[in-house]
PDB file of N, CA and C in Angstrom:
ATOM      1  N   MET A   1     112.649 105.918 102.560  1.00  0.00           N
ATOM      2  CA  MET A   1     112.028 105.367 103.759  1.00  0.00           C
ATOM      3  C   MET A   1     110.642 105.977 103.970  1.00  0.00           C
ATOM      4  N   GLY A   2     110.533 107.291 103.910  1.00  0.00           N
ATOM      5  CA  GLY A   2     109.255 107.959 104.115  1.00  0.00           C
ATOM      6  C   GLY A   2     108.235 107.570 103.065  1.00  0.00           C
ATOM      7  N   GLU A   3     108.697 107.434 101.831  1.00  0.00           N
ATOM      8  CA  GLU A   3     107.780 107.072 100.753  1.00  0.00           C
ATOM      9  C   GLU A   3     107.250 105.657 100.949  1.00  0.00           C
ATOM     10  N   ALA A   4     108.102 104.736 101.380  1.00  0.00           N
ATOM     11  CA  ALA A   4     107.665 103.356 101.614  1.00  0.00           C
ATOM     12  C   ALA A   4     106.641 103.299 102.747  1.00  0.00           C
ATOM     13  N   LEU A   5     106.867 104.037 103.807  1.00  0.00           N
ATOM     14  CA  LEU A   5     105.919 104.084 104.915  1.00  0.00           C
ATOM     15  C   LEU A   5     104.594 104.695 104.459  1.00  0.00           C
ATOM     16  N   GLY A   6     104.670 105.810 103.755  1.00  0.00           N
ATOM     17  CA  GLY A   6     103.465 106.448 103.241  1.00  0.00           C
ATOM     18  C   GLY A   6     102.691 105.530 102.324  1.00  0.00           C
ATOM     19  N   GLN A   7     103.397 104.815 101.444  1.00  0.00           N
ATOM     20  CA  GLN A   7     102.738 103.901 100.519  1.00  0.00           C
ATOM     21  C   GLN A   7     102.069 102.765 101.272  1.00  0.00           C
ATOM     22  N   SER A   8     102.674 102.309 102.368  1.00  0.00           N
ATOM     23  CA  SER A   8     102.053 101.264 103.185  1.00  0.00           C
ATOM     24  C   SER A   8     100.726 101.738 103.771  1.00  0.00           C
ATOM     25  N   VAL A   9     100.700 102.969 104.240  1.00  0.00           N
ATOM     26  CA  VAL A   9      99.459 103.535 104.780  1.00  0.00           C
ATOM     27  C   VAL A   9      98.412 103.658 103.675  1.00  0.00           C
ATOM     28  N   ILE A  10      98.816 104.139 102.517  1.00  0.00           N
ATOM     29  CA  ILE A  10      97.902 104.284 101.386  1.00  0.00           C
ATOM     30  C   ILE A  10      97.347 102.922 100.979  1.00  0.00           C
ATOM     31  N   ASP A  11      98.213 101.929 100.874  1.00  0.00           N
ATOM     32  CA  ASP A  11      97.772 100.587 100.488  1.00  0.00           C
ATOM     33  C   ASP A  11      96.789 100.022 101.510  1.00  0.00           C
ATOM     34  N   TRP A  12      97.084 100.208 102.798  1.00  0.00           N
ATOM     35  CA  TRP A  12      96.189  99.733 103.849  1.00  0.00           C
ATOM     36  C   TRP A  12      94.834 100.430 103.751  1.00  0.00           C
ATOM     37  N   ALA A  13      94.853 101.757 103.618  1.00  0.00           N
ATOM     38  CA  ALA A  13      93.601 102.519 103.542  1.00  0.00           C
ATOM     39  C   ALA A  13      92.764 102.060 102.349  1.00  0.00           C
ATOM     40  N   ARG A  14      93.420 101.844 101.223  1.00  0.00           N
ATOM     41  CA  ARG A  14      92.712 101.376 100.026  1.00  0.00           C
ATOM     42  C   ARG A  14      92.105  99.990 100.276  1.00  0.00           C
ATOM     43  N   SER A  15      92.871  99.095 100.896  1.00  0.00           N
ATOM     44  CA  SER A  15      92.370  97.738 101.151  1.00  0.00           C
ATOM     45  C   SER A  15      91.213  97.736 102.139  1.00  0.00           C
ATOM     46  N   GLU A  16      91.133  98.744 102.976  1.00  0.00           N
ATOM     47  CA  GLU A  16      90.044  98.865 103.949  1.00  0.00           C
ATOM     48  C   GLU A  16      88.842  99.616 103.385  1.00  0.00           C
ATOM     49  N   GLY A  17      88.962 100.083 102.148  1.00  0.00           N
ATOM     50  CA  GLY A  17      87.840 100.734 101.493  1.00  0.00           C
ATOM     51  C   GLY A  17      87.729 102.233 101.726  1.00  0.00           C
ATOM     52  N   TYR A  18      88.767 102.844 102.273  1.00  0.00           N
ATOM     53  CA  TYR A  18      88.737 104.294 102.461  1.00  0.00           C
ATOM     54  C   TYR A  18      88.759 104.987 101.096  1.00  0.00           C
ATOM     55  N   LYS A  19      88.095 106.122 101.011  1.00  0.00           N
ATOM     56  CA  LYS A  19      88.024 106.879  99.764  1.00  0.00           C
ATOM     57  C   LYS A  19      89.177 107.851  99.612  1.00  0.00           C
ATOM     58  N   ALA A  20      89.818 108.215 100.732  1.00  0.00           N
ATOM     59  CA  ALA A  20      90.906 109.198 100.690  1.00  0.00           C
ATOM     60  C   ALA A  20      91.764 109.066 101.943  1.00  0.00           C
ATOM     61  N   VAL A  21      92.964 109.609 101.848  1.00  0.00           N
ATOM     62  CA  VAL A  21      93.860 109.736 102.994  1.00  0.00           C
ATOM     63  C   VAL A  21      94.133 111.225 103.170  1.00  0.00           C
ATOM     64  N   ARG A  22      93.998 111.703 104.400  1.00  0.00           N
ATOM     65  CA  ARG A  22      94.292 113.105 104.699  1.00  0.00           C
ATOM     66  C   ARG A  22      95.414 113.170 105.709  1.00  0.00           C
ATOM     67  N   LEU A  23      96.182 114.240 105.619  1.00  0.00           N
ATOM     68  CA  LEU A  23      97.256 114.474 106.574  1.00  0.00           C
ATOM     69  C   LEU A  23      97.458 115.970 106.727  1.00  0.00           C
ATOM     70  N   ALA A  24      98.205 116.339 107.741  1.00  0.00           N
ATOM     71  CA  ALA A  24      98.560 117.744 107.943  1.00  0.00           C
ATOM     72  C   ALA A  24     100.076 117.838 107.995  1.00  0.00           C
ATOM     73  N   VAL A  25     100.614 118.858 107.365  1.00  0.00           N
ATOM     74  CA  VAL A  25     102.062 119.045 107.318  1.00  0.00           C
ATOM     75  C   VAL A  25     102.386 120.479 107.711  1.00  0.00           C
ATOM     76  N   ALA A  26     103.399 120.619 108.553  1.00  0.00           N
ATOM     77  CA  ALA A  26     103.792 121.943 109.035  1.00  0.00           C
ATOM     78  C   ALA A  26     104.359 122.782 107.894  1.00  0.00           C
ATOM     79  N   ASP A  27     104.096 124.070 107.959  1.00  0.00           N
ATOM     80  CA  ASP A  27     104.511 124.970 106.873  1.00  0.00           C
ATOM     81  C   ASP A  27     106.022 125.043 106.701  1.00  0.00           C
ATOM     82  N   HIS A  28     106.781 124.750 107.724  1.00  0.00           N
ATOM     83  CA  HIS A  28     108.241 124.826 107.615  1.00  0.00           C
ATOM     84  C   HIS A  28     108.889 123.493 107.230  1.00  0.00           C
ATOM     85  N   ASN A  29     108.093 122.443 107.013  1.00  0.00           N
ATOM     86  CA  ASN A  29     108.633 121.123 106.719  1.00  0.00           C
ATOM     87  C   ASN A  29     108.633 120.872 105.207  1.00  0.00           C
ATOM     88  N   ALA A  30     109.547 121.538 104.521  1.00  0.00           N
ATOM     89  CA  ALA A  30     109.599 121.495 103.059  1.00  0.00           C
ATOM     90  C   ALA A  30     109.866 120.089 102.518  1.00  0.00           C
ATOM     91  N   SER A  31     110.700 119.309 103.198  1.00  0.00           N
ATOM     92  CA  SER A  31     111.004 117.966 102.683  1.00  0.00           C
ATOM     93  C   SER A  31     109.766 117.075 102.742  1.00  0.00           C
ATOM     94  N   ALA A  32     108.976 117.175 103.799  1.00  0.00           N
ATOM     95  CA  ALA A  32     107.736 116.393 103.880  1.00  0.00           C
ATOM     96  C   ALA A  32     106.736 116.881 102.836  1.00  0.00           C
ATOM     97  N   GLN A  33     106.652 118.181 102.629  1.00  0.00           N
ATOM     98  CA  GLN A  33     105.746 118.719 101.621  1.00  0.00           C
ATOM     99  C   GLN A  33     106.091 118.169 100.242  1.00  0.00           C
ATOM    100  N   ARG A  34     107.383 118.109  99.915  1.00  0.00           N
ATOM    101  CA  ARG A  34     107.804 117.559  98.616  1.00  0.00           C
ATOM    102  C   ARG A  34     107.468 116.071  98.503  1.00  0.00           C
ATOM    103  N   LEU A  35     107.681 115.329  99.591  1.00  0.00           N
ATOM    104  CA  LEU A  35     107.360 113.907  99.599  1.00  0.00           C
ATOM    105  C   LEU A  35     105.872 113.695  99.332  1.00  0.00           C
ATOM    106  N   TYR A  36     105.026 114.403 100.050  1.00  0.00           N
ATOM    107  CA  TYR A  36     103.575 114.232  99.881  1.00  0.00           C
ATOM    108  C   TYR A  36     103.131 114.649  98.483  1.00  0.00           C
ATOM    109  N   GLU A  37     103.743 115.676  97.948  1.00  0.00           N
ATOM    110  CA  GLU A  37     103.409 116.099  96.590  1.00  0.00           C
ATOM    111  C   GLU A  37     103.780 115.011  95.583  1.00  0.00           C
ATOM    112  N   ARG A  38     104.958 114.425  95.738  1.00  0.00           N
ATOM    113  CA  ARG A  38     105.374 113.322  94.848  1.00  0.00           C
ATOM    114  C   ARG A  38     104.406 112.147  94.926  1.00  0.00           C
ATOM    115  N   MET A  39     103.841 111.934  96.112  1.00  0.00           N
ATOM    116  CA  MET A  39     102.935 110.804  96.313  1.00  0.00           C
ATOM    117  C   MET A  39     101.517 111.107  95.842  1.00  0.00           C
ATOM    118  N   GLY A  40     101.260 112.340  95.420  1.00  0.00           N
ATOM    119  CA  GLY A  40      99.963 112.679  94.863  1.00  0.00           C
ATOM    120  C   GLY A  40      99.026 113.439  95.788  1.00  0.00           C
ATOM    121  N   PHE A  41      99.474 113.764  96.991  1.00  0.00           N
ATOM    122  CA  PHE A  41      98.643 114.534  97.911  1.00  0.00           C
ATOM    123  C   PHE A  41      98.526 115.970  97.401  1.00  0.00           C
ATOM    124  N   VAL A  42      97.328 116.535  97.530  1.00  0.00           N
ATOM    125  CA  VAL A  42      97.091 117.916  97.116  1.00  0.00           C
ATOM    126  C   VAL A  42      96.539 118.707  98.293  1.00  0.00           C
ATOM    127  N   SER A  43      96.811 119.987  98.282  1.00  0.00           N
ATOM    128  CA  SER A  43      96.341 120.868  99.342  1.00  0.00           C
ATOM    129  C   SER A  43      94.821 120.983  99.288  1.00  0.00           C
ATOM    130  N   THR A  44      94.196 120.947 100.475  1.00  0.00           N
ATOM    131  CA  THR A  44      92.746 121.139 100.565  1.00  0.00           C
ATOM    132  C   THR A  44      92.416 122.598 100.844  1.00  0.00           C
ATOM    133  N   GLY A  45      93.422 123.384 101.206  1.00  0.00           N
ATOM    134  CA  GLY A  45      93.203 124.778 101.565  1.00  0.00           C
ATOM    135  C   GLY A  45      92.924 124.975 103.046  1.00  0.00           C
ATOM    136  N   THR A  46      92.762 123.872 103.787  1.00  0.00           N
ATOM    137  CA  THR A  46      92.520 123.962 105.221  1.00  0.00           C
ATOM    138  C   THR A  46      93.838 124.201 105.938  1.00  0.00           C
ATOM    139  N   VAL A  47      93.867 125.244 106.750  1.00  0.00           N
ATOM    140  CA  VAL A  47      95.068 125.617 107.501  1.00  0.00           C
ATOM    141  C   VAL A  47      94.669 125.721 108.968  1.00  0.00           C
ATOM    142  N   ASP A  48      95.551 125.246 109.849  1.00  0.00           N
ATOM    143  CA  ASP A  48      95.274 125.298 111.275  1.00  0.00           C
ATOM    144  C   ASP A  48      96.563 125.522 112.037  1.00  0.00           C
ATOM    145  N   LYS A  49      96.445 125.928 113.269  1.00  0.00           N
ATOM    146  CA  LYS A  49      97.598 126.109 114.161  1.00  0.00           C
ATOM    147  C   LYS A  49      97.623 124.953 115.152  1.00  0.00           C
ATOM    148  N   LEU A  50      98.813 124.587 115.598  1.00  0.00           N
ATOM    149  CA  LEU A  50      98.936 123.587 116.640  1.00  0.00           C
ATOM    150  C   LEU A  50      98.519 124.200 117.973  1.00  0.00           C
ATOM    151  N   PRO A  51      98.131 123.360 118.933  1.00  0.00           N
ATOM    152  CA  PRO A  51      97.758 123.885 120.252  1.00  0.00           C
ATOM    153  C   PRO A  51      98.988 124.348 121.033  1.00  0.00           C
ATOM    154  N   PRO A  52      98.782 125.132 122.104  1.00  0.00           N
ATOM    155  CA  PRO A  52      99.900 125.590 122.936  1.00  0.00           C
ATOM    156  C   PRO A  52     100.711 124.393 123.415  1.00  0.00           C
ATOM    157  N   PRO A  53     101.974 124.517 123.473  1.00  0.00           N
ATOM    158  CA  PRO A  53     102.799 125.721 123.313  1.00  0.00           C
ATOM    159  C   PRO A  53     103.324 125.903 121.893  1.00  0.00           C
ATOM    160  N   ARG A  54     102.716 125.259 120.926  1.00  0.00           N
ATOM    161  CA  ARG A  54     103.233 125.315 119.549  1.00  0.00           C
ATOM    162  C   ARG A  54     102.333 126.123 118.615  1.00  0.00           C
ATOM    163  N   THR A  55     101.681 127.124 119.111  1.00  0.00           N
ATOM    164  CA  THR A  55     100.761 127.908 118.287  1.00  0.00           C
ATOM    165  C   THR A  55     101.463 128.658 117.166  1.00  0.00           C
ATOM    166  N   HIS A  56     102.786 128.729 117.220  1.00  0.00           N
ATOM    167  CA  HIS A  56     103.542 129.388 116.158  1.00  0.00           C
ATOM    168  C   HIS A  56     103.683 128.508 114.912  1.00  0.00           C
ATOM    169  N   ILE A  57     103.257 127.242 115.008  1.00  0.00           N
ATOM    170  CA  ILE A  57     103.377 126.310 113.887  1.00  0.00           C
ATOM    171  C   ILE A  57     102.037 126.215 113.160  1.00  0.00           C
ATOM    172  N   THR A  58     102.072 126.454 111.868  1.00  0.00           N
ATOM    173  CA  THR A  58     100.891 126.349 111.024  1.00  0.00           C
ATOM    174  C   THR A  58     100.954 125.033 110.256  1.00  0.00           C
ATOM    175  N   GLU A  59      99.834 124.324 110.221  1.00  0.00           N
ATOM    176  CA  GLU A  59      99.754 123.081 109.469  1.00  0.00           C
ATOM    177  C   GLU A  59      98.789 123.238 108.303  1.00  0.00           C
ATOM    178  N   HIS A  60      99.110 122.567 107.212  1.00  0.00           N
ATOM    179  CA  HIS A  60      98.303 122.614 105.996  1.00  0.00           C
ATOM    180  C   HIS A  60      97.810 121.207 105.690  1.00  0.00           C
ATOM    181  N   GLU A  61      96.505 121.073 105.507  1.00  0.00           N
ATOM    182  CA  GLU A  61      95.935 119.767 105.211  1.00  0.00           C
ATOM    183  C   GLU A  61      96.166 119.396 103.750  1.00  0.00           C
ATOM    184  N   ARG A  62      96.476 118.131 103.526  1.00  0.00           N
ATOM    185  CA  ARG A  62      96.623 117.578 102.177  1.00  0.00           C
ATOM    186  C   ARG A  62      95.792 116.315 102.097  1.00  0.00           C
ATOM    187  N   ARG A  63      95.336 115.998 100.892  1.00  0.00           N
ATOM    188  CA  ARG A  63      94.434 114.856 100.691  1.00  0.00           C
ATOM    189  C   ARG A  63      94.856 114.090  99.446  1.00  0.00           C
ATOM    190  N   LEU A  64      94.723 112.782  99.545  1.00  0.00           N
ATOM    191  CA  LEU A  64      94.965 111.899  98.398  1.00  0.00           C
ATOM    192  C   LEU A  64      93.708 111.076  98.175  1.00  0.00           C
ATOM    193  N   GLU A  65      93.073 111.251  97.026  1.00  0.00           N
ATOM    194  CA  GLU A  65      91.890 110.461  96.656  1.00  0.00           C
ATOM    195  C   GLU A  65      92.346 109.054  96.306  1.00  0.00           C
ATOM    196  N   LEU A  66      91.658 108.053  96.832  1.00  0.00           N
ATOM    197  CA  LEU A  66      92.064 106.671  96.596  1.00  0.00           C
ATOM    198  C   LEU A  66      91.244 105.974  95.529  1.00  0.00           C
ATOM    199  N   LEU A  67      89.997 106.327  95.372  1.00  0.00           N
ATOM    200  CA  LEU A  67      89.176 105.667  94.368  1.00  0.00           C
ATOM    201  C   LEU A  67      89.699 105.988  92.981  1.00  0.00           C
ATOM    202  N   GLY A  68      90.000 104.979  92.230  1.00  0.00           N
ATOM    203  CA  GLY A  68      90.491 105.180  90.885  1.00  0.00           C
ATOM    204  C   GLY A  68      91.950 105.587  90.817  1.00  0.00           C
ATOM    205  N   HIS A  69      92.621 105.682  91.964  1.00  0.00           N
ATOM    206  CA  HIS A  69      94.027 106.094  92.010  1.00  0.00           C
ATOM    207  C   HIS A  69      94.903 104.858  92.130  1.00  0.00           C
ATOM    208  N   CYS A  70      95.805 104.688  91.238  1.00  0.00           N
ATOM    209  CA  CYS A  70      96.726 103.558  91.273  1.00  0.00           C
ATOM    210  C   CYS A  70      98.120 104.074  91.537  1.00  0.00           C
ATOM    211  N   GLY A  71      98.730 103.635  92.599  1.00  0.00           N
ATOM    212  CA  GLY A  71     100.084 104.059  92.794  1.00  0.00           C
ATOM    213  C   GLY A  71     100.354 104.455  94.145  1.00  0.00           C
TER     214      GLY A  71
END
């Protein structure tokens, strides 16, 4: 289900001419991290905290290049 939804967003972004899709995933969400990795998203190295009251949650940015990417 998650992969189909993600692929729909990727397909839409590509059809609209976007060069990349970026997202943020919480450090404790291992299943989402695995899903994004399977879909080709890579870490950008950007890390941020959520605003209060969730400052204990760290998010990691991931990016998928769309130009020349099929799939």
